Protein backbone atom coordinates (compact mmCIF):
# COMPACT_ATOMS: atom_id res chain seq x y z
CA MET A 1 0.09 -0.06 0.23
CA LYS A 2 2.98 2.29 0.35
CA GLN A 3 2.88 2.67 -3.44
CA ALA A 4 -0.90 3.33 -3.27
CA SER A 5 -0.25 6.19 -0.74
CA GLY A 6 2.38 7.60 -3.01
CA ASN A 7 -0.02 7.52 -5.97
CA THR A 8 -2.89 8.91 -3.87
CA GLY A 9 -0.54 11.88 -2.59
CA MET A 10 0.29 12.49 -6.43
CA ILE A 11 -3.28 12.28 -7.53
CA ALA A 12 -4.68 14.38 -4.77
CA ARG A 13 -2.12 17.37 -5.29
CA SER A 14 -2.80 17.29 -8.86
CA ALA A 15 -6.51 16.99 -8.46
CA GLY A 16 -6.31 19.69 -6.03
CA LEU A 17 -4.77 22.09 -8.59
CA VAL A 18 -7.18 20.87 -11.32
CA SER A 19 -9.87 21.69 -9.14
CA VAL A 20 -8.86 25.07 -8.33
CA ALA A 21 -8.57 25.86 -11.98
CA VAL A 22 -11.97 24.25 -12.82
CA MET A 23 -13.80 26.08 -10.07
CA CYS A 24 -12.38 29.37 -11.50
CA SER A 25 -13.81 28.20 -15.03
CA ARG A 26 -17.24 27.12 -13.57
CA VAL A 27 -17.48 30.01 -11.62
CA LEU A 28 -17.20 32.07 -14.84
CA GLY A 29 -19.37 29.64 -16.65
CA LEU A 30 -22.16 30.50 -13.90
CA VAL A 31 -21.49 34.20 -14.66
CA ARG A 32 -21.88 33.54 -18.42
CA GLU A 33 -25.19 31.67 -17.60
CA GLN A 34 -26.36 34.73 -15.15
CA VAL A 35 -25.69 36.96 -18.09
CA MET A 36 -27.67 34.83 -20.56
CA ALA A 37 -30.54 34.46 -18.07
CA SER A 38 -30.48 38.09 -17.57
CA LEU A 39 -30.62 39.24 -21.19
CA PHE A 40 -32.46 36.43 -22.62
CA GLY A 41 -34.46 34.60 -19.76
CA ALA A 42 -35.54 30.90 -20.76
CA GLY A 43 -37.66 31.99 -24.00
CA GLN A 44 -37.03 31.29 -27.57
CA ALA A 45 -33.79 33.16 -28.22
CA TYR A 46 -32.05 30.96 -25.29
CA ASP A 47 -33.66 27.94 -26.46
CA ALA A 48 -32.53 28.53 -30.19
CA PHE A 49 -28.96 29.18 -28.72
CA ILE A 50 -28.78 25.96 -26.49
CA VAL A 51 -29.92 23.76 -29.55
CA ALA A 52 -27.59 25.46 -32.05
CA PHE A 53 -24.72 25.21 -29.68
CA ARG A 54 -25.48 21.63 -28.64
CA ILE A 55 -24.87 20.27 -32.11
CA PRO A 56 -21.35 21.22 -32.24
CA ASN A 57 -20.99 20.41 -28.94
CA LEU A 58 -22.04 16.67 -29.36
CA LEU A 59 -19.08 16.42 -31.43
CA ARG A 60 -16.94 18.10 -29.04
CA ASP A 61 -17.78 15.58 -26.37
CA LEU A 62 -16.78 12.79 -29.01
CA PHE A 63 -13.68 14.26 -30.32
CA ALA A 64 -12.47 16.63 -27.44
CA GLU A 65 -13.49 15.48 -23.95
CA GLY A 66 -14.21 12.09 -24.72
CA ALA A 67 -12.50 9.56 -27.29
CA LEU A 68 -9.58 11.75 -28.52
CA SER A 69 -8.64 13.02 -24.93
CA SER A 70 -8.38 9.69 -23.30
CA ALA A 71 -7.04 7.81 -26.57
CA PHE A 72 -4.35 10.44 -27.10
CA VAL A 73 -3.25 10.46 -23.42
CA ALA A 74 -2.88 6.75 -23.25
CA VAL A 75 -0.73 6.57 -26.48
CA PHE A 76 1.08 9.58 -26.04
CA THR A 77 2.10 8.40 -22.49
CA ASP A 78 3.15 5.10 -23.55
CA TYR A 79 5.44 6.95 -26.25
CA ASP A 80 6.69 9.44 -23.52
CA SER A 81 7.70 6.40 -20.95
CA THR A 82 9.21 3.94 -23.65
CA ARG A 83 10.45 5.98 -26.77
CA GLY A 84 12.54 8.95 -27.39
CA ASP A 85 11.46 12.64 -27.73
CA GLU A 86 11.93 12.58 -31.32
CA GLU A 87 9.25 9.95 -31.81
CA THR A 88 6.96 11.18 -29.11
CA TRP A 89 6.75 15.00 -30.39
CA ARG A 90 6.39 13.39 -34.02
CA LEU A 91 3.13 11.66 -32.78
CA ALA A 92 2.10 14.81 -31.18
CA ASN A 93 2.64 16.83 -34.74
CA ASN A 94 0.84 13.96 -36.77
CA VAL A 95 -2.43 13.87 -34.47
CA LEU A 96 -2.76 17.48 -34.48
CA ALA A 97 -2.63 17.60 -38.27
CA GLY A 98 -4.79 14.64 -38.84
CA ILE A 99 -7.33 15.61 -36.33
CA GLY A 100 -7.40 19.20 -37.89
CA VAL A 101 -8.05 17.74 -41.49
CA ILE A 102 -10.87 15.44 -40.21
CA LEU A 103 -12.63 18.27 -38.19
CA SER A 104 -12.22 20.67 -40.62
CA ILE A 105 -14.20 18.41 -43.22
CA ILE A 106 -16.89 18.09 -40.61
CA THR A 107 -17.25 21.69 -39.66
CA LEU A 108 -17.84 22.46 -43.39
CA ALA A 109 -20.51 19.63 -43.48
CA GLY A 110 -22.12 20.88 -40.46
CA MET A 111 -22.38 24.50 -41.72
CA LEU A 112 -23.93 23.22 -44.87
CA LEU A 113 -26.30 20.89 -43.38
CA ALA A 114 -27.33 23.22 -40.36
CA GLY A 115 -30.72 23.47 -41.50
CA PRO A 116 -31.63 19.78 -41.65
CA LEU A 117 -29.41 18.97 -38.40
CA VAL A 118 -31.70 21.51 -36.54
CA ASN A 119 -34.87 20.11 -37.89
CA LEU A 120 -33.72 16.39 -36.90
CA ILE A 121 -32.84 17.51 -33.28
CA ALA A 122 -35.57 19.88 -32.34
CA PRO A 123 -38.38 19.57 -35.05
CA ASP A 124 -41.08 21.13 -33.08
CA PHE A 125 -39.15 24.56 -33.44
CA SER A 126 -40.82 24.73 -36.75
CA LEU A 127 -44.19 25.11 -35.09
CA ILE A 128 -42.96 28.77 -33.64
CA PRO A 129 -42.40 31.36 -36.41
CA GLY A 130 -38.85 32.40 -36.83
CA LYS A 131 -37.31 29.87 -34.11
CA MET A 132 -36.09 27.35 -36.64
CA GLU A 133 -34.27 30.02 -38.81
CA LEU A 134 -32.80 31.63 -35.52
CA THR A 135 -31.30 28.31 -34.54
CA ARG A 136 -30.10 27.58 -38.09
CA LEU A 137 -28.02 30.80 -38.11
CA LEU A 138 -26.61 30.51 -34.73
CA THR A 139 -25.57 26.71 -35.73
CA ILE A 140 -23.85 27.88 -38.55
CA ILE A 141 -21.89 30.65 -36.57
CA MET A 142 -20.85 28.29 -33.78
CA PHE A 143 -20.00 25.20 -35.81
CA PRO A 144 -16.12 26.02 -36.03
CA PHE A 145 -15.87 26.13 -32.19
CA LEU A 146 -15.60 22.37 -32.86
CA ILE A 147 -12.00 22.82 -34.38
CA PHE A 148 -10.56 25.01 -31.54
CA VAL A 149 -11.82 23.19 -28.68
CA SER A 150 -10.61 19.61 -30.08
CA MET A 151 -7.15 21.17 -30.73
CA ALA A 152 -6.93 22.69 -27.44
CA ALA A 153 -7.75 19.13 -25.95
CA VAL A 154 -4.97 17.52 -27.71
CA VAL A 155 -2.54 20.24 -26.43
CA MET A 156 -4.20 19.44 -22.81
CA GLY A 157 -3.44 15.92 -23.19
CA ILE A 158 0.37 16.61 -23.90
CA LEU A 159 0.40 18.93 -20.86
CA ASN A 160 -1.18 16.44 -18.56
CA SER A 161 0.91 13.65 -19.63
CA LYS A 162 4.04 16.03 -18.78
CA GLY A 163 2.47 16.64 -15.59
CA LYS A 164 1.36 19.96 -16.27
CA PHE A 165 -2.40 20.29 -14.89
CA PHE A 166 -3.08 23.90 -13.85
CA ILE A 167 -2.84 25.79 -17.11
CA PRO A 168 -4.90 23.38 -19.12
CA SER A 169 -7.41 23.00 -16.68
CA LEU A 170 -7.50 26.75 -16.47
CA ALA A 171 -7.95 27.04 -20.18
CA SER A 172 -11.76 26.72 -20.30
CA SER A 173 -12.00 30.01 -18.15
CA PHE A 174 -10.56 31.83 -20.93
CA PHE A 175 -13.42 30.22 -23.02
CA ASN A 176 -15.77 31.76 -20.70
CA LEU A 177 -14.15 34.89 -20.54
CA GLY A 178 -14.17 35.27 -24.19
CA SER A 179 -18.02 34.25 -24.24
CA ILE A 180 -18.84 36.93 -21.57
CA VAL A 181 -16.73 39.77 -22.69
CA GLY A 182 -16.94 39.11 -26.31
CA GLY A 183 -20.54 37.79 -26.37
CA VAL A 184 -21.98 40.52 -24.23
CA GLY A 185 -20.31 43.37 -26.00
CA LEU A 186 -21.55 42.11 -29.55
CA ALA A 187 -24.87 41.33 -27.86
CA LEU A 188 -25.31 44.90 -27.13
CA LEU A 189 -23.82 46.13 -30.48
CA LEU A 190 -25.49 43.93 -33.14
CA PRO A 191 -28.99 45.03 -32.57
CA LYS A 192 -27.95 48.42 -33.80
CA PHE A 193 -27.20 46.60 -37.17
CA GLY A 194 -30.27 44.80 -37.40
CA GLN A 195 -29.13 41.39 -36.05
CA PRO A 196 -30.65 39.65 -32.89
CA ALA A 197 -28.73 40.18 -29.70
CA ILE A 198 -28.08 36.31 -29.31
CA VAL A 199 -25.96 36.16 -32.45
CA GLY A 200 -23.40 38.23 -30.52
CA MET A 201 -23.35 35.50 -27.79
CA ALA A 202 -22.65 32.84 -30.70
CA ILE A 203 -19.83 35.10 -31.89
CA GLY A 204 -18.55 35.30 -28.29
CA THR A 205 -18.57 31.30 -28.21
CA LEU A 206 -16.19 31.24 -31.14
CA ILE A 207 -14.03 33.73 -29.56
CA GLY A 208 -13.85 31.74 -26.43
CA GLY A 209 -13.11 28.57 -27.99
CA PHE A 210 -9.87 30.45 -29.97
CA LEU A 211 -8.89 31.61 -26.30
CA GLN A 212 -9.08 28.28 -24.95
CA LEU A 213 -6.57 27.04 -27.54
CA ALA A 214 -4.45 30.10 -27.66
CA CYS A 215 -3.79 30.07 -23.72
CA GLN A 216 -2.03 26.84 -23.70
CA ILE A 217 0.36 27.50 -26.45
CA PRO A 218 3.14 29.08 -24.11
CA ALA A 219 2.76 26.07 -21.64
CA LEU A 220 3.04 23.67 -24.69
CA ARG A 221 6.34 25.25 -25.90
CA ARG A 222 8.21 25.09 -22.47
CA THR A 223 7.72 21.23 -22.60
CA GLY A 224 9.77 21.19 -25.64
CA PHE A 225 7.20 20.86 -28.23
CA ARG A 226 7.70 22.50 -31.64
CA LEU A 227 5.00 22.87 -34.32
CA ARG A 228 6.27 20.82 -37.30
CA PRO A 229 3.17 19.76 -39.13
CA THR A 230 3.36 16.15 -40.69
CA LEU A 231 0.71 14.32 -41.77
CA ASP A 232 1.43 10.20 -42.10
CA TRP A 233 -1.93 8.44 -42.26
CA SER A 234 0.39 5.07 -42.02
CA ASP A 235 2.03 6.11 -38.93
CA PRO A 236 1.52 3.17 -36.30
CA GLY A 237 0.91 5.89 -33.31
CA LEU A 238 -1.78 7.75 -35.29
CA ARG A 239 -3.41 4.86 -36.26
CA ARG A 240 -3.34 3.33 -32.66
CA VAL A 241 -4.98 6.61 -31.54
CA PHE A 242 -7.90 6.31 -34.29
CA SER A 243 -8.15 2.62 -33.17
CA LEU A 244 -8.70 3.58 -29.67
CA MET A 245 -10.87 6.24 -30.50
CA LEU A 246 -13.26 4.32 -32.96
CA PRO A 247 -15.03 2.20 -30.34
CA ALA A 248 -14.90 5.09 -27.94
CA ILE A 249 -16.68 7.29 -30.56
CA ILE A 250 -19.43 4.48 -30.89
CA GLY A 251 -19.77 4.36 -26.97
CA LEU A 252 -19.72 8.13 -26.89
CA GLY A 253 -21.99 8.36 -29.77
CA ALA A 254 -24.75 6.39 -27.33
CA THR A 255 -24.26 9.20 -25.10
CA GLN A 256 -24.94 11.74 -27.77
CA ILE A 257 -28.06 9.82 -28.60
CA ASN A 258 -29.21 10.26 -24.94
CA ILE A 259 -28.69 13.86 -25.47
CA PHE A 260 -30.38 14.16 -28.70
CA VAL A 261 -33.58 12.15 -27.22
CA ASN A 262 -33.70 14.60 -24.30
CA THR A 263 -33.63 17.39 -26.22
CA ASN A 264 -36.14 16.39 -28.79
CA PHE A 265 -38.24 15.06 -25.48
CA ALA A 266 -37.55 18.70 -23.91
CA ALA A 267 -38.71 20.53 -27.09
CA SER A 268 -41.90 18.87 -27.43
CA CYS A 269 -42.80 19.95 -23.44
CA ALA A 270 -43.76 23.44 -22.24
CA GLU A 271 -41.77 26.26 -23.85
CA GLY A 272 -38.97 26.87 -21.76
CA SER A 273 -38.18 23.37 -20.91
CA VAL A 274 -35.02 23.17 -22.98
CA SER A 275 -33.72 25.98 -20.87
CA TRP A 276 -34.97 24.72 -17.67
CA LEU A 277 -33.06 21.70 -18.17
CA ASN A 278 -29.80 23.50 -19.34
CA TYR A 279 -29.75 25.83 -16.70
CA ALA A 280 -29.97 23.06 -13.97
CA PHE A 281 -27.37 20.73 -15.72
CA ARG A 282 -24.92 23.69 -15.56
CA LEU A 283 -25.08 23.49 -11.86
CA VAL A 284 -24.68 19.79 -11.90
CA GLN A 285 -21.50 20.12 -14.19
CA PHE A 286 -20.04 22.69 -11.36
CA PRO A 287 -19.18 19.70 -9.06
CA ILE A 288 -18.56 17.11 -12.06
CA GLY A 289 -15.92 19.46 -13.42
CA MET A 290 -14.26 20.42 -10.18
CA PHE A 291 -14.25 17.06 -8.62
CA GLY A 292 -14.97 14.15 -11.16
CA VAL A 293 -13.08 15.61 -14.02
CA ALA A 294 -10.44 17.12 -11.71
CA VAL A 295 -9.69 13.39 -10.16
CA SER A 296 -10.05 11.75 -13.65
CA ILE A 297 -7.44 14.11 -15.31
CA ALA A 298 -4.96 13.31 -12.39
CA THR A 299 -5.52 9.89 -12.53
CA LEU A 300 -5.24 8.93 -16.12
CA PRO A 301 -1.59 9.54 -16.50
CA VAL A 302 -0.84 7.54 -13.30
CA ILE A 303 -2.81 4.71 -14.33
CA ALA A 304 -1.58 4.94 -18.14
CA ARG A 305 1.95 4.69 -16.79
CA CYS A 306 0.95 1.64 -14.38
CA ALA A 307 -0.50 -0.06 -17.36
CA ALA A 308 2.26 0.65 -19.72
CA ILE A 309 4.72 -1.25 -17.60
CA LYS A 310 2.15 -3.86 -16.64
CA ASP A 311 1.70 -2.86 -13.05
CA ILE A 312 -1.62 -4.21 -12.59
CA GLN A 313 -1.49 -3.77 -8.71
CA GLY A 314 -0.79 -0.31 -9.14
CA VAL A 315 -3.75 0.09 -11.63
CA ARG A 316 -6.05 -1.65 -9.00
CA GLU A 317 -4.81 0.69 -5.89
CA THR A 318 -4.89 4.00 -7.94
CA TYR A 319 -8.36 3.26 -9.30
CA VAL A 320 -9.88 2.53 -5.82
CA SER A 321 -8.30 5.46 -4.26
CA ALA A 322 -9.42 7.69 -7.10
CA LEU A 323 -13.04 6.52 -7.00
CA THR A 324 -12.95 6.93 -3.13
CA MET A 325 -11.74 10.56 -3.71
CA GLY A 326 -14.44 11.18 -6.15
CA PHE A 327 -17.12 9.88 -3.76
CA CYS A 328 -15.83 11.88 -0.92
CA LEU A 329 -16.47 14.98 -3.18
CA THR A 330 -19.69 14.32 -4.94
CA ILE A 331 -21.93 12.61 -2.64
CA PRO A 332 -21.90 15.57 -0.21
CA SER A 333 -22.36 17.65 -3.33
CA THR A 334 -25.48 15.73 -4.16
CA ALA A 335 -26.70 16.14 -0.83
CA GLY A 336 -26.11 19.92 -0.49
CA LEU A 337 -27.45 20.79 -4.14
CA TYR A 338 -30.53 18.94 -3.41
CA CYS A 339 -31.10 20.77 -0.11
CA LEU A 340 -30.33 23.94 -1.42
CA ALA A 341 -31.70 23.70 -5.19
CA GLU A 342 -34.16 26.46 -4.94
CA PRO A 343 -32.24 28.90 -3.17
CA LEU A 344 -29.42 28.39 -5.42
CA VAL A 345 -31.24 29.02 -8.39
CA LYS A 346 -32.97 31.89 -7.28
CA VAL A 347 -29.65 33.48 -6.15
CA ILE A 348 -27.74 32.72 -9.41
CA PHE A 349 -30.22 33.03 -12.00
CA GLN A 350 -33.32 34.98 -11.00
CA HIS A 351 -32.46 38.32 -12.32
CA GLY A 352 -33.78 40.24 -15.41
CA ARG A 353 -36.28 38.10 -17.48
CA PHE A 354 -35.42 35.10 -15.49
CA SER A 355 -38.78 34.65 -13.48
CA SER A 356 -39.54 32.94 -10.26
CA PHE A 357 -41.67 30.60 -12.24
CA ASP A 358 -38.46 29.94 -14.23
CA THR A 359 -36.47 29.29 -10.62
CA THR A 360 -39.08 26.90 -9.50
CA ARG A 361 -39.10 24.67 -12.73
CA THR A 362 -35.37 24.97 -12.85
CA ALA A 363 -34.97 23.78 -9.36
CA GLU A 364 -36.99 20.90 -9.95
CA ALA A 365 -35.14 19.47 -12.73
CA LEU A 366 -31.63 20.08 -10.48
CA SER A 367 -33.10 18.05 -7.89
CA PHE A 368 -33.63 15.00 -10.19
CA TYR A 369 -30.39 15.52 -11.80
CA VAL A 370 -27.93 15.49 -8.95
CA LEU A 371 -29.36 12.02 -7.81
CA GLY A 372 -26.68 10.71 -10.39
CA LEU A 373 -24.35 13.08 -9.77
CA PHE A 374 -21.79 10.52 -7.88
CA ALA A 375 -22.43 8.23 -11.00
CA TYR A 376 -21.51 11.14 -13.58
CA SER A 377 -18.24 11.57 -11.60
CA ALA A 378 -17.62 8.06 -11.19
CA VAL A 379 -18.16 7.02 -14.73
CA LYS A 380 -15.40 9.73 -15.77
CA ILE A 381 -13.16 8.27 -13.47
CA THR A 382 -13.82 4.45 -14.73
CA VAL A 383 -13.62 4.81 -18.37
CA PRO A 384 -10.32 6.09 -18.83
CA VAL A 385 -8.96 3.07 -17.08
CA PHE A 386 -10.64 1.00 -19.80
CA TYR A 387 -8.56 3.02 -22.30
CA ALA A 388 -5.27 2.56 -20.36
CA LEU A 389 -5.88 -1.34 -20.39
CA LYS A 390 -6.42 -1.15 -24.11
CA ASP A 391 -10.22 -2.43 -24.02
CA THR A 392 -13.05 0.10 -25.40
CA LYS A 393 -15.74 -2.36 -25.91
CA TYR A 394 -17.19 -2.39 -22.32
CA PRO A 395 -17.67 1.45 -22.20
CA VAL A 396 -19.35 1.04 -25.41
CA ILE A 397 -21.72 -1.69 -24.23
CA GLY A 398 -22.28 0.33 -21.01
CA SER A 399 -23.20 3.42 -23.14
CA PHE A 400 -25.67 1.50 -25.36
CA MET A 401 -27.28 0.34 -22.29
CA ALA A 402 -27.92 3.62 -20.77
CA VAL A 403 -29.44 5.12 -23.96
CA ALA A 404 -31.92 1.97 -23.80
CA ALA A 405 -32.81 2.68 -19.91
CA ASN A 406 -33.09 6.53 -20.53
CA ILE A 407 -35.61 6.19 -23.47
CA ILE A 408 -37.68 3.60 -21.25
CA ILE A 409 -37.53 5.65 -18.13
CA ILE A 410 -38.68 8.87 -20.07
CA ASN A 411 -41.43 7.25 -22.05
CA MET A 412 -42.80 5.85 -18.71
CA SER A 413 -42.81 9.24 -16.83
CA ILE A 414 -42.88 12.32 -18.93
CA ALA A 415 -46.67 12.31 -19.00
CA ALA A 416 -46.45 12.67 -15.33
CA LEU A 417 -43.07 14.44 -14.57
CA GLN A 418 -42.83 16.49 -17.93
CA HIS A 419 -39.31 18.01 -18.07
CA LYS A 420 -38.29 16.48 -14.92
CA ALA A 421 -38.56 13.03 -16.43
CA ILE A 422 -35.47 13.87 -18.51
CA ALA A 423 -33.52 14.64 -15.61
CA LEU A 424 -34.55 11.65 -13.66
CA ALA A 425 -33.79 9.40 -16.67
CA THR A 426 -30.49 10.77 -17.37
CA SER A 427 -29.57 10.09 -13.54
CA CYS A 428 -30.88 6.69 -13.36
CA ALA A 429 -29.33 5.72 -16.85
CA MET A 430 -25.76 7.05 -15.41
CA ILE A 431 -25.96 5.18 -12.27
CA GLY A 432 -26.59 1.94 -14.24
CA ASN A 433 -23.93 2.62 -16.52
CA PHE A 434 -21.40 3.07 -13.75
CA LEU A 435 -22.71 0.06 -12.02
CA PHE A 436 -22.26 -2.12 -15.09
CA LEU A 437 -18.62 -0.75 -15.80
CA SER A 438 -17.41 -1.23 -12.13
CA ILE A 439 -18.58 -4.76 -12.04
CA VAL A 440 -16.72 -5.58 -15.35
CA LEU A 441 -13.56 -3.67 -14.58
CA TYR A 442 -13.61 -5.65 -11.00
CA ARG A 443 -13.40 -9.00 -12.85
CA LYS A 444 -11.20 -7.63 -15.69
CA LEU A 445 -8.58 -6.59 -13.03
CA GLY A 446 -8.79 -9.75 -10.94
CA GLY A 447 -10.52 -7.74 -8.12
CA TYR A 448 -9.99 -4.57 -6.29
CA SER A 449 -10.07 -3.56 -2.54
CA LEU A 450 -13.93 -3.52 -2.11
CA PRO A 451 -13.55 -3.50 1.72
CA TYR A 452 -11.13 -0.18 1.38
CA LEU A 453 -13.95 1.27 -0.77
CA GLY A 454 -16.58 0.30 1.18
CA ARG A 455 -15.36 1.62 4.56
CA GLY A 456 -14.52 4.87 2.46
CA LEU A 457 -17.93 5.04 1.13
CA LEU A 458 -19.63 4.48 4.68
CA LYS A 459 -17.61 7.19 6.09
CA VAL A 460 -18.32 9.59 3.23
CA CYS A 461 -22.29 8.82 3.74
CA ALA A 462 -22.07 9.42 7.47
CA ALA A 463 -20.32 12.70 7.03
CA SER A 464 -22.85 13.63 4.29
CA GLY A 465 -25.66 12.80 6.54
CA ALA A 466 -24.38 15.03 9.31
CA MET A 467 -24.18 17.80 6.73
CA TRP A 468 -27.65 17.39 5.52
CA LEU A 469 -29.18 17.39 8.82
CA THR A 470 -27.09 20.76 9.58
CA LEU A 471 -28.48 22.31 6.24
CA ILE A 472 -32.00 21.23 7.04
CA LEU A 473 -31.70 23.10 10.67
CA THR A 474 -29.74 25.94 9.38
CA LYS A 475 -32.38 26.60 6.58
CA HIS A 476 -35.16 26.38 9.17
CA PHE A 477 -33.61 28.78 11.34
CA LEU A 478 -32.77 31.26 8.46
CA ALA A 479 -36.45 31.07 7.34
CA GLU A 480 -37.01 33.15 10.73
CA THR A 481 -34.77 35.74 10.03
CA THR A 482 -34.50 38.69 7.55
CA ILE A 483 -31.15 37.76 6.22
CA SER A 484 -30.63 38.36 2.50
CA ASP A 485 -30.90 35.29 0.10
CA LEU A 486 -27.33 35.67 -1.12
CA ALA A 487 -26.10 35.75 2.54
CA GLY A 488 -28.23 33.02 3.86
CA LEU A 489 -27.02 30.74 0.92
CA GLY A 490 -23.43 31.63 1.72
CA LEU A 491 -23.93 30.81 5.20
CA MET A 492 -25.47 27.48 4.40
CA VAL A 493 -22.77 26.64 2.11
CA VAL A 494 -19.84 27.47 4.71
CA VAL A 495 -21.60 25.91 7.43
CA GLY A 496 -22.43 22.54 5.79
CA ALA A 497 -19.06 22.49 4.11
CA THR A 498 -17.29 22.84 7.28
CA VAL A 499 -19.59 20.21 9.17
CA TYR A 500 -18.64 17.79 6.39
CA ALA A 501 -14.95 18.21 6.39
CA LEU A 502 -14.54 17.94 10.09
CA THR A 503 -16.65 15.27 10.50
CA LEU A 504 -14.82 13.23 7.45
CA TYR A 505 -11.51 14.26 8.88
CA GLY A 506 -12.44 12.72 12.36
CA LEU A 507 -13.58 9.61 10.70
CA LYS A 508 -9.88 9.55 9.25
CA LEU A 509 -10.71 8.98 5.54
CA GLN A 510 -6.92 8.16 4.06
CA GLU A 511 -7.59 10.35 1.04
CA LEU A 512 -8.68 13.53 2.68
CA THR A 513 -6.03 12.91 5.65
CA ILE A 514 -3.13 12.69 3.10
CA LEU A 515 -4.35 15.90 1.34
CA VAL A 516 -4.53 17.67 4.69
CA ASN A 517 -1.45 16.69 5.93
CA LYS A 518 0.43 17.58 2.90
CA ILE A 519 -1.18 21.19 2.90
CA VAL A 520 -0.16 21.53 6.66
CA SER A 521 3.51 20.29 6.00
CA ARG A 522 3.66 22.71 2.99
CA MET A 523 2.57 25.61 5.20
CA ARG A 524 5.00 24.88 7.86
CA GLN A 525 7.88 24.80 5.30
CA GLN A 526 6.82 28.42 4.49
């Protein structure tokens, strides 16, 4: 377990850096959503923007944050560990060139076929005058975003493999900054030239995508990388990246089918449903990004190196520790978000054209989304382990099982729950996907320490229960006072987080103890 403790410390330290960077990004993302809510509310313009952005975003999930990122890191780490710099940097240049060519072709096709794509994903938009045409225009404007963000994912993979986590994780903050500053500025300017204000936000998205790539270039050059474009389709490394990507694209394609199905169902519900679900999921993405994605990013290079040298025991111990760390961050987030759903939505979004009615509907969706929060993050930690082990078929199977479960649950519950049925089905499907993958991985690794994982989970649930009770009591107490909504929410978050952290530290969860000891040790050295 000595190696496990070393890996745990490394992952905790790296995950901490990533979490700080992701927190900056998520805070700016919430500011961006606040701006959108204030300017456009939950009506026609924002519904059109969401669907238009979702089309290139579906492909972004496949190429940038999913298949490409995991496949490239696995191959690049192997090259970096077992081959020389020349071959490693040649692989990076070849992948950048190959992906650039493929994505340019996809982007041009997407812009030409924007109309049919919008009609496919949200056919009911045609029932509202002007909504389909506006969505098509926004789709054409935002499609090149796919190229910028996918290239940024390759650069991020290189930096992560070289042990650089903070700058690439901070890159999405630049996306949000570009979206906010550029988008709002253009949204205020373009109506003077006869263009809808929402077009400015679409152009701001492009500006943000470019900045997300550009801000990582200086750090990339410091690693020793030099851009020498080469395109050799027969290169074994490039083919290996694509061979890992292909089944992953199929599996992630299933996830995109889920999103497509959900959008289609939401578009058929009351107007504003697409917006309510999007605002709610934005809040869920905050802990997913800060905790699930952060732990996954920090874990992948460690597991990839263990897999490259055939250290299966190291893979087992690192995975269990990472999963425990993910649970200790996402389970209390679930309890907190469920308890504070309505006051949180009210404080963040209820401004300008975003009404109290929108707050209630968004909070309802959030309450169902958070039920699967732990599973979202756990899947993000689990799937890259399969990539490192060069086995991508099980994530594919799990994804298609999730699609089937999602469709069945929505059809069974949408009449009664309306837009809430979509959030519930998404959570249930993700929980099922995680359970399937974790069982398969247990058998594939020849077992991993379930007692260790179980003890950690019990401690996390006990501490989360203490936090839940504290929040209920605090919420009841504040209802009798005249404290402002913002101050009350801030107080509840601080009190809840403090009770949780102290309880968990008292229960001696190893991952938390290691992280706290490292922080204390570093403070004493300064």
